[in-house]
Amino acid sequence: MQKKPSLKNITFLAKRIYQLNGLNHKSCDRQAKYKSMGAGSSGVLKKEEVSKFWSVSKKVLGKGSFATVRKATKLDKDDVARADFPQEVAAKIIDKGTCTNEDLPLLKDEVDIMLKIKDKGCVQLYEMFESENHLILMVELCNGGELFDRISQKEKYGEAEAADVIRQVAEALKYLHDHN
């Protein structure tokens, strides 16, 4: 049986996110500080309620081992802090209670990578919120479903279509390899 992460490990993750953004977690003004990580991204972990800024749908878009993804809509279109964010994003809601000690390094790696990458072929992380029971990552909303499902539904999948998909994947992989 896998052990649940301790509060110490979850606190470490939150501190690590602050460090990645050049912030001191003890003195961060959570309402005012935004460190730009590039076009349309802040990367700052907020201890505020996500519901102050986003309306998160009840409909589940996807579900993983310790996270659920739902669509979220920006509440204030004139919010200066979120001016570069799209109106709709995906809220990846991670249940801290279901994360094991083995999951924490994977989650930390995911956040570390997402904070560094800025490419059209890679999902963009906009901001993060932390509550007592959840860590919520506001990421780029990818509409259209799973690639495998789209290919399976077609009667005929042409070489040009396949080449276009492979080109996009190869460009994203090249970007990731170029940025370690």
Protein backbone atom coordinates (compact mmCIF):
# COMPACT_ATOMS: atom_id res chain seq x y z
CA MET A 1 0.00 0.00 0.00
CA GLN A 2 1.37 3.40 -0.98
CA LYS A 3 1.72 6.04 1.72
CA LYS A 4 -0.14 9.33 1.50
CA PRO A 5 2.13 12.39 1.15
CA SER A 6 2.81 14.25 4.32
CA LEU A 7 1.93 17.91 4.76
CA LYS A 8 5.70 18.47 4.75
CA ASN A 9 5.99 17.05 1.20
CA ILE A 10 3.05 19.08 -0.11
CA THR A 11 4.49 22.21 1.52
CA PHE A 12 7.82 21.42 -0.16
CA LEU A 13 6.05 21.30 -3.54
CA ALA A 14 4.41 24.68 -2.92
CA LYS A 15 7.76 26.20 -1.85
CA ARG A 16 9.43 24.73 -4.95
CA ILE A 17 6.85 26.37 -7.20
CA TYR A 18 7.55 29.73 -5.55
CA GLN A 19 11.31 29.22 -5.94
CA LEU A 20 10.94 28.44 -9.64
CA ASN A 21 9.30 31.82 -10.03
CA GLY A 22 11.94 33.73 -8.05
CA LEU A 23 9.56 34.42 -5.17
CA ASN A 24 9.96 34.02 -1.43
CA HIS A 25 6.99 31.91 -0.33
CA LYS A 26 6.92 33.57 3.11
CA SER A 27 6.69 37.15 1.85
CA CYS A 28 4.77 36.72 -1.41
CA ASP A 29 1.84 39.10 -1.78
CA ARG A 30 -0.45 36.52 -3.33
CA GLN A 31 -2.95 39.07 -4.62
CA ALA A 32 -0.54 41.43 -6.33
CA LYS A 33 2.59 39.50 -7.33
CA TYR A 34 2.72 38.14 -10.83
CA LYS A 35 6.01 37.17 -12.33
CA SER A 36 5.62 36.87 -16.06
CA MET A 37 6.85 33.57 -17.42
CA GLY A 38 6.24 34.59 -21.02
CA ALA A 39 3.24 35.39 -23.17
CA GLY A 40 0.05 34.74 -21.24
CA SER A 41 1.55 33.03 -18.22
CA SER A 42 2.15 33.87 -14.58
CA GLY A 43 3.20 30.57 -13.04
CA VAL A 44 2.55 31.84 -9.49
CA LEU A 45 0.91 29.57 -6.96
CA LYS A 46 -2.03 31.31 -5.30
CA LYS A 47 -3.62 30.43 -1.96
CA GLU A 48 -6.81 32.21 -3.00
CA GLU A 49 -10.05 30.54 -3.98
CA VAL A 50 -10.09 29.70 -7.69
CA SER A 51 -13.78 30.67 -7.69
CA LYS A 52 -12.80 34.35 -7.27
CA PHE A 53 -11.37 34.36 -10.79
CA TRP A 54 -12.74 31.35 -12.66
CA SER A 55 -16.06 29.56 -13.02
CA VAL A 56 -15.20 25.86 -13.06
CA SER A 57 -17.70 23.61 -14.82
CA LYS A 58 -19.14 20.54 -13.10
CA LYS A 59 -18.70 18.54 -16.34
CA VAL A 60 -15.58 16.37 -16.30
CA LEU A 61 -13.48 16.58 -19.50
CA GLY A 62 -11.01 13.94 -18.37
CA LYS A 63 -9.86 11.96 -15.37
CA GLY A 64 -6.50 10.53 -14.37
CA SER A 65 -5.09 8.67 -11.38
CA PHE A 66 -5.07 11.70 -9.09
CA ALA A 67 -6.54 14.55 -11.14
CA THR A 68 -9.77 15.59 -12.82
CA VAL A 69 -9.94 18.07 -15.70
CA ARG A 70 -12.84 20.50 -16.10
CA LYS A 71 -13.45 23.53 -18.29
CA ALA A 72 -13.08 26.90 -16.54
CA THR A 73 -14.28 30.32 -17.73
CA LYS A 74 -12.71 33.62 -16.70
CA LEU A 75 -15.18 35.58 -14.52
CA ASP A 76 -13.90 39.10 -15.23
CA LYS A 77 -13.02 39.77 -18.87
CA ASP A 78 -11.32 43.01 -17.78
CA ASP A 79 -9.08 41.35 -15.15
CA VAL A 80 -5.71 43.00 -15.82
CA ALA A 81 -3.75 40.18 -14.13
CA ARG A 82 -5.30 37.67 -16.54
CA ALA A 83 -5.48 39.87 -19.63
CA ASP A 84 -3.25 37.53 -21.64
CA PHE A 85 -5.14 34.40 -20.58
CA PRO A 86 -7.82 32.97 -22.87
CA GLN A 87 -11.46 33.26 -21.78
CA GLU A 88 -11.68 29.48 -21.36
CA VAL A 89 -9.02 27.19 -19.92
CA ALA A 90 -8.81 23.67 -18.52
CA ALA A 91 -8.67 23.33 -14.74
CA LYS A 92 -6.57 20.30 -13.78
CA ILE A 93 -7.77 19.60 -10.24
CA ILE A 94 -5.32 17.45 -8.29
CA ASP A 95 -6.66 15.84 -5.14
CA LYS A 96 -3.84 16.00 -2.60
CA GLY A 97 -5.45 13.18 -0.63
CA THR A 98 -4.99 10.70 -3.46
CA CYS A 99 -1.37 11.63 -4.18
CA THR A 100 1.21 9.22 -2.80
CA ASN A 101 4.80 10.02 -1.90
CA GLU A 102 5.74 8.44 -5.23
CA ASP A 103 3.37 10.80 -7.09
CA LEU A 104 4.87 14.00 -5.66
CA PRO A 105 8.13 13.92 -7.66
CA LEU A 106 6.12 13.28 -10.85
CA LEU A 107 3.82 16.19 -10.06
CA LYS A 108 6.78 18.44 -9.25
CA ASP A 109 8.42 17.45 -12.55
CA GLU A 110 5.21 18.20 -14.46
CA VAL A 111 4.95 21.66 -12.91
CA ASP A 112 8.69 22.35 -13.42
CA ILE A 113 8.43 21.45 -17.11
CA MET A 114 5.20 23.32 -17.73
CA LEU A 115 6.64 26.50 -16.17
CA LYS A 116 9.59 26.38 -18.57
CA ILE A 117 7.93 25.56 -21.89
CA LYS A 118 6.43 28.17 -24.18
CA ASP A 119 5.59 26.58 -27.51
CA LYS A 120 2.42 26.38 -29.59
CA GLY A 121 2.74 22.59 -29.72
CA CYS A 122 2.83 22.21 -25.92
CA VAL A 123 0.06 22.81 -23.41
CA GLN A 124 0.52 26.16 -21.65
CA LEU A 125 0.30 26.52 -17.85
CA TYR A 126 -1.27 29.88 -16.92
CA GLU A 127 -1.54 29.84 -13.13
CA MET A 128 -1.99 27.58 -10.12
CA PHE A 129 -4.18 27.66 -7.04
CA GLU A 130 -3.82 25.73 -3.82
CA SER A 131 -6.56 24.93 -1.33
CA GLU A 132 -6.48 22.67 1.69
CA ASN A 133 -7.36 19.58 -0.36
CA HIS A 134 -6.48 20.47 -3.97
CA LEU A 135 -3.82 21.87 -6.24
CA ILE A 136 -5.46 23.39 -9.33
CA LEU A 137 -3.47 24.00 -12.50
CA MET A 138 -5.09 26.36 -15.01
CA VAL A 139 -3.83 25.13 -18.38
CA GLU A 140 -4.56 25.63 -22.04
CA LEU A 141 -7.87 24.09 -23.10
CA CYS A 142 -7.37 21.59 -25.93
CA ASN A 143 -10.62 20.95 -27.77
CA GLY A 144 -11.16 18.17 -30.25
CA GLY A 145 -10.74 15.06 -28.15
CA GLU A 146 -8.11 12.36 -28.32
CA LEU A 147 -6.09 11.99 -31.51
CA PHE A 148 -6.54 8.20 -31.51
CA ASP A 149 -10.34 8.58 -31.30
CA ARG A 150 -10.37 11.08 -34.17
CA ILE A 151 -8.30 8.79 -36.36
CA SER A 152 -10.45 5.76 -35.47
CA GLN A 153 -13.68 7.58 -36.40
CA LYS A 154 -12.49 8.44 -39.91
CA GLU A 155 -13.23 6.06 -42.73
CA LYS A 156 -10.10 7.15 -44.54
CA TYR A 157 -7.03 8.79 -43.03
CA GLY A 158 -4.88 10.24 -45.77
CA GLU A 159 -1.13 10.55 -45.96
CA ALA A 160 -1.30 14.36 -45.97
CA GLU A 161 -3.33 14.39 -42.73
CA ALA A 162 -0.96 11.92 -41.08
CA ALA A 163 2.07 13.92 -42.21
CA ASP A 164 0.56 17.11 -40.74
CA VAL A 165 -0.01 15.45 -37.35
CA ILE A 166 3.48 13.92 -37.29
CA ARG A 167 5.01 17.30 -38.27
CA GLN A 168 3.26 19.01 -35.34
CA VAL A 169 4.36 16.31 -32.89
CA ALA A 170 7.94 16.37 -34.23
CA GLU A 171 8.12 20.19 -33.92
CA ALA A 172 6.90 20.03 -30.31
CA LEU A 173 9.39 17.24 -29.50
CA LYS A 174 12.21 19.24 -31.09
CA TYR A 175 11.29 22.26 -28.98
CA LEU A 176 11.29 20.13 -25.80
CA HIS A 177 14.64 18.50 -26.66
CA ASP A 178 16.15 21.89 -27.50
CA HIS A 179 15.10 23.10 -24.04
CA ASN A 180 16.21 19.98 -22.16
